[in-house]
Amino acid sequence: MTGSSEREESAVTLDLLKKKMAEFARERDWERFHSPRNLLLALVGEVGELSEIFQWKGEVPKGLPDWEDAERVHLGEELSDVLLYLVRLADICGIDLGAAALRKVELNALKYPARLSKSSSDD
């Protein structure tokens, strides 16, 4: 990827993020610090930072209509930190995160069938 226009034209995949994170860590000689435990603790810290954004806002409507641009940018940064640590943790643990997520969606569909859902189209 060379610029923002190229990013807009192609979808960002988990595989691309995994490769970028591995390269980032390797270039800085940080691989030795990226144990599952350390990555999990970093992930928890980032979830805490993400939580702080919403902490005193009460319920927030979808689309964040009343948020300022700077707040949206900050939210995007914190969401990205969470995603990147999660992708890195999965990679270090040898988990195909995309496949695991799809499997989980399928398991949840079996566990919570739409026909039994309160928001079912049959209601």
C-alpha atoms as a PDB file:
ATOM      1  CA  MET A   1       0.000   0.000   0.000  1.00  0.00           C
ATOM      2  CA  THR A   2       1.320   3.352  -0.927  1.00  0.00           C
ATOM      3  CA  GLY A   3      -1.380   5.860  -0.091  1.00  0.00           C
ATOM      4  CA  SER A   4      -4.826   6.497   1.271  1.00  0.00           C
ATOM      5  CA  SER A   5      -6.483   6.301  -2.154  1.00  0.00           C
ATOM      6  CA  GLU A   6      -5.104   2.784  -2.618  1.00  0.00           C
ATOM      7  CA  ARG A   7      -6.451   1.792   0.812  1.00  0.00           C
ATOM      8  CA  GLU A   8      -9.897   3.034  -0.190  1.00  0.00           C
ATOM      9  CA  GLU A   9      -9.843   0.865  -3.309  1.00  0.00           C
ATOM     10  CA  SER A  10      -8.970  -2.402  -1.585  1.00  0.00           C
ATOM     11  CA  ALA A  11     -10.379  -4.077   1.490  1.00  0.00           C
ATOM     12  CA  VAL A  12      -8.132  -4.431   4.505  1.00  0.00           C
ATOM     13  CA  THR A  13      -7.896  -8.082   5.489  1.00  0.00           C
ATOM     14  CA  LEU A  14      -6.932  -9.708   8.763  1.00  0.00           C
ATOM     15  CA  ASP A  15      -4.069 -11.353   6.887  1.00  0.00           C
ATOM     16  CA  LEU A  16      -2.727  -7.965   5.789  1.00  0.00           C
ATOM     17  CA  LEU A  17      -2.964  -6.628   9.349  1.00  0.00           C
ATOM     18  CA  LYS A  18      -1.236  -9.758  10.666  1.00  0.00           C
ATOM     19  CA  LYS A  19       1.638  -9.304   8.206  1.00  0.00           C
ATOM     20  CA  LYS A  20       1.943  -5.580   8.931  1.00  0.00           C
ATOM     21  CA  MET A  21       2.015  -6.182  12.688  1.00  0.00           C
ATOM     22  CA  ALA A  22       4.622  -8.937  12.384  1.00  0.00           C
ATOM     23  CA  GLU A  23       6.781  -6.699  10.183  1.00  0.00           C
ATOM     24  CA  PHE A  24       6.345  -3.764  12.578  1.00  0.00           C
ATOM     25  CA  ALA A  25       7.464  -5.880  15.548  1.00  0.00           C
ATOM     26  CA  ARG A  26      10.356  -7.462  13.632  1.00  0.00           C
ATOM     27  CA  GLU A  27      11.720  -4.083  12.450  1.00  0.00           C
ATOM     28  CA  ARG A  28      11.849  -2.878  16.050  1.00  0.00           C
ATOM     29  CA  ASP A  29      13.105  -6.145  17.544  1.00  0.00           C
ATOM     30  CA  TRP A  30       9.934  -6.303  19.651  1.00  0.00           C
ATOM     31  CA  GLU A  31       9.117  -9.935  18.829  1.00  0.00           C
ATOM     32  CA  ARG A  32      10.830 -11.020  22.033  1.00  0.00           C
ATOM     33  CA  PHE A  33       8.284  -8.995  24.032  1.00  0.00           C
ATOM     34  CA  HIS A  34       5.256 -10.320  22.175  1.00  0.00           C
ATOM     35  CA  SER A  35       4.375 -13.292  24.338  1.00  0.00           C
ATOM     36  CA  PRO A  36       0.688 -14.231  24.575  1.00  0.00           C
ATOM     37  CA  ARG A  37       0.559 -12.915  28.153  1.00  0.00           C
ATOM     38  CA  ASN A  38       2.148  -9.559  27.296  1.00  0.00           C
ATOM     39  CA  LEU A  39      -0.083  -9.081  24.271  1.00  0.00           C
ATOM     40  CA  LEU A  40      -3.189  -9.947  26.263  1.00  0.00           C
ATOM     41  CA  LEU A  41      -2.287  -7.435  28.969  1.00  0.00           C
ATOM     42  CA  ALA A  42      -1.655  -4.772  26.325  1.00  0.00           C
ATOM     43  CA  LEU A  43      -5.011  -5.620  24.738  1.00  0.00           C
ATOM     44  CA  VAL A  44      -6.797  -5.255  28.089  1.00  0.00           C
ATOM     45  CA  GLY A  45      -5.128  -1.872  28.567  1.00  0.00           C
ATOM     46  CA  GLU A  46      -6.323  -0.718  25.167  1.00  0.00           C
ATOM     47  CA  VAL A  47      -9.877  -1.907  25.896  1.00  0.00           C
ATOM     48  CA  GLY A  48      -9.677   0.226  29.039  1.00  0.00           C
ATOM     49  CA  GLU A  49      -8.663   3.253  26.984  1.00  0.00           C
ATOM     50  CA  LEU A  50     -11.531   2.549  24.581  1.00  0.00           C
ATOM     51  CA  SER A  51     -13.934   2.295  27.519  1.00  0.00           C
ATOM     52  CA  GLU A  52     -12.820   5.682  28.840  1.00  0.00           C
ATOM     53  CA  ILE A  53     -14.129   7.349  25.686  1.00  0.00           C
ATOM     54  CA  PHE A  54     -17.663   6.195  26.503  1.00  0.00           C
ATOM     55  CA  GLN A  55     -17.388   6.267  30.295  1.00  0.00           C
ATOM     56  CA  TRP A  56     -19.393   9.409  31.068  1.00  0.00           C
ATOM     57  CA  LYS A  57     -21.413   9.792  27.869  1.00  0.00           C
ATOM     58  CA  GLY A  58     -24.429   7.688  28.867  1.00  0.00           C
ATOM     59  CA  GLU A  59     -26.199   5.957  26.002  1.00  0.00           C
ATOM     60  CA  VAL A  60     -24.796   6.979  22.640  1.00  0.00           C
ATOM     61  CA  PRO A  61     -26.943   6.734  19.484  1.00  0.00           C
ATOM     62  CA  LYS A  62     -25.760   4.766  16.480  1.00  0.00           C
ATOM     63  CA  GLY A  63     -23.657   6.800  14.102  1.00  0.00           C
ATOM     64  CA  LEU A  64     -22.492   9.112  16.915  1.00  0.00           C
ATOM     65  CA  PRO A  65     -24.390  12.120  15.467  1.00  0.00           C
ATOM     66  CA  ASP A  66     -23.376  14.549  18.230  1.00  0.00           C
ATOM     67  CA  TRP A  67     -19.687  13.674  18.281  1.00  0.00           C
ATOM     68  CA  GLU A  68     -17.031  16.091  17.065  1.00  0.00           C
ATOM     69  CA  ASP A  69     -14.542  15.034  14.397  1.00  0.00           C
ATOM     70  CA  ALA A  70     -11.704  14.891  16.946  1.00  0.00           C
ATOM     71  CA  GLU A  71     -13.740  12.501  19.107  1.00  0.00           C
ATOM     72  CA  ARG A  72     -14.389  10.234  16.121  1.00  0.00           C
ATOM     73  CA  VAL A  73     -10.698  10.218  15.211  1.00  0.00           C
ATOM     74  CA  HIS A  74      -9.766   9.327  18.801  1.00  0.00           C
ATOM     75  CA  LEU A  75     -12.369   6.541  18.826  1.00  0.00           C
ATOM     76  CA  GLY A  76     -10.954   5.167  15.560  1.00  0.00           C
ATOM     77  CA  GLU A  77      -7.453   5.164  17.013  1.00  0.00           C
ATOM     78  CA  GLU A  78      -8.502   3.288  20.145  1.00  0.00           C
ATOM     79  CA  LEU A  79     -10.609   0.782  18.184  1.00  0.00           C
ATOM     80  CA  SER A  80      -7.589   0.230  15.942  1.00  0.00           C
ATOM     81  CA  ASP A  81      -5.305  -0.379  18.916  1.00  0.00           C
ATOM     82  CA  VAL A  82      -7.708  -3.055  20.189  1.00  0.00           C
ATOM     83  CA  LEU A  83      -7.971  -4.688  16.760  1.00  0.00           C
ATOM     84  CA  LEU A  84      -4.227  -4.670  16.148  1.00  0.00           C
ATOM     85  CA  TYR A  85      -3.371  -6.227  19.508  1.00  0.00           C
ATOM     86  CA  LEU A  86      -6.097  -8.847  18.987  1.00  0.00           C
ATOM     87  CA  VAL A  87      -4.752  -9.709  15.533  1.00  0.00           C
ATOM     88  CA  ARG A  88      -1.192  -9.910  16.875  1.00  0.00           C
ATOM     89  CA  LEU A  89      -2.260 -12.085  19.826  1.00  0.00           C
ATOM     90  CA  ALA A  90      -4.094 -14.491  17.525  1.00  0.00           C
ATOM     91  CA  ASP A  91      -1.062 -14.683  15.228  1.00  0.00           C
ATOM     92  CA  ILE A  92       1.355 -15.381  18.084  1.00  0.00           C
ATOM     93  CA  CYS A  93      -1.012 -18.086  19.394  1.00  0.00           C
ATOM     94  CA  GLY A  94      -1.336 -19.670  15.942  1.00  0.00           C
ATOM     95  CA  ILE A  95      -5.056 -18.955  15.659  1.00  0.00           C
ATOM     96  CA  ASP A  96      -6.646 -18.121  12.312  1.00  0.00           C
ATOM     97  CA  LEU A  97      -8.757 -15.287  13.685  1.00  0.00           C
ATOM     98  CA  GLY A  98     -10.944 -14.932  10.594  1.00  0.00           C
ATOM     99  CA  ALA A  99     -11.795 -18.639  10.525  1.00  0.00           C
ATOM    100  CA  ALA A 100     -12.359 -18.695  14.294  1.00  0.00           C
ATOM    101  CA  ALA A 101     -14.699 -15.691  14.065  1.00  0.00           C
ATOM    102  CA  LEU A 102     -16.714 -17.249  11.230  1.00  0.00           C
ATOM    103  CA  ARG A 103     -16.994 -20.491  13.185  1.00  0.00           C
ATOM    104  CA  LYS A 104     -18.192 -18.552  16.232  1.00  0.00           C
ATOM    105  CA  VAL A 105     -20.887 -16.797  14.177  1.00  0.00           C
ATOM    106  CA  GLU A 106     -22.067 -20.204  12.949  1.00  0.00           C
ATOM    107  CA  LEU A 107     -22.104 -21.613  16.489  1.00  0.00           C
ATOM    108  CA  ASN A 108     -24.041 -18.574  17.731  1.00  0.00           C
ATOM    109  CA  ALA A 109     -26.587 -19.047  14.919  1.00  0.00           C
ATOM    110  CA  LEU A 110     -27.175 -22.581  16.161  1.00  0.00           C
ATOM    111  CA  LYS A 111     -27.311 -21.508  19.795  1.00  0.00           C
ATOM    112  CA  TYR A 112     -29.627 -18.552  19.120  1.00  0.00           C
ATOM    113  CA  PRO A 113     -31.845 -19.498  16.156  1.00  0.00           C
ATOM    114  CA  ALA A 114     -33.516 -16.554  14.426  1.00  0.00           C
ATOM    115  CA  ARG A 115     -36.913 -18.220  14.636  1.00  0.00           C
ATOM    116  CA  LEU A 116     -36.738 -18.014  18.437  1.00  0.00           C
ATOM    117  CA  SER A 117     -35.482 -14.467  18.540  1.00  0.00           C
ATOM    118  CA  LYS A 118     -37.758 -11.677  19.814  1.00  0.00           C
ATOM    119  CA  SER A 119     -36.738  -9.589  16.830  1.00  0.00           C
ATOM    120  CA  SER A 120     -37.661 -12.350  14.405  1.00  0.00           C
ATOM    121  CA  SER A 121     -39.361 -11.281  11.188  1.00  0.00           C
ATOM    122  CA  ASP A 122     -42.194 -13.696  12.095  1.00  0.00           C
ATOM    123  CA  ASP A 123     -43.355 -11.495  15.004  1.00  0.00           C
END
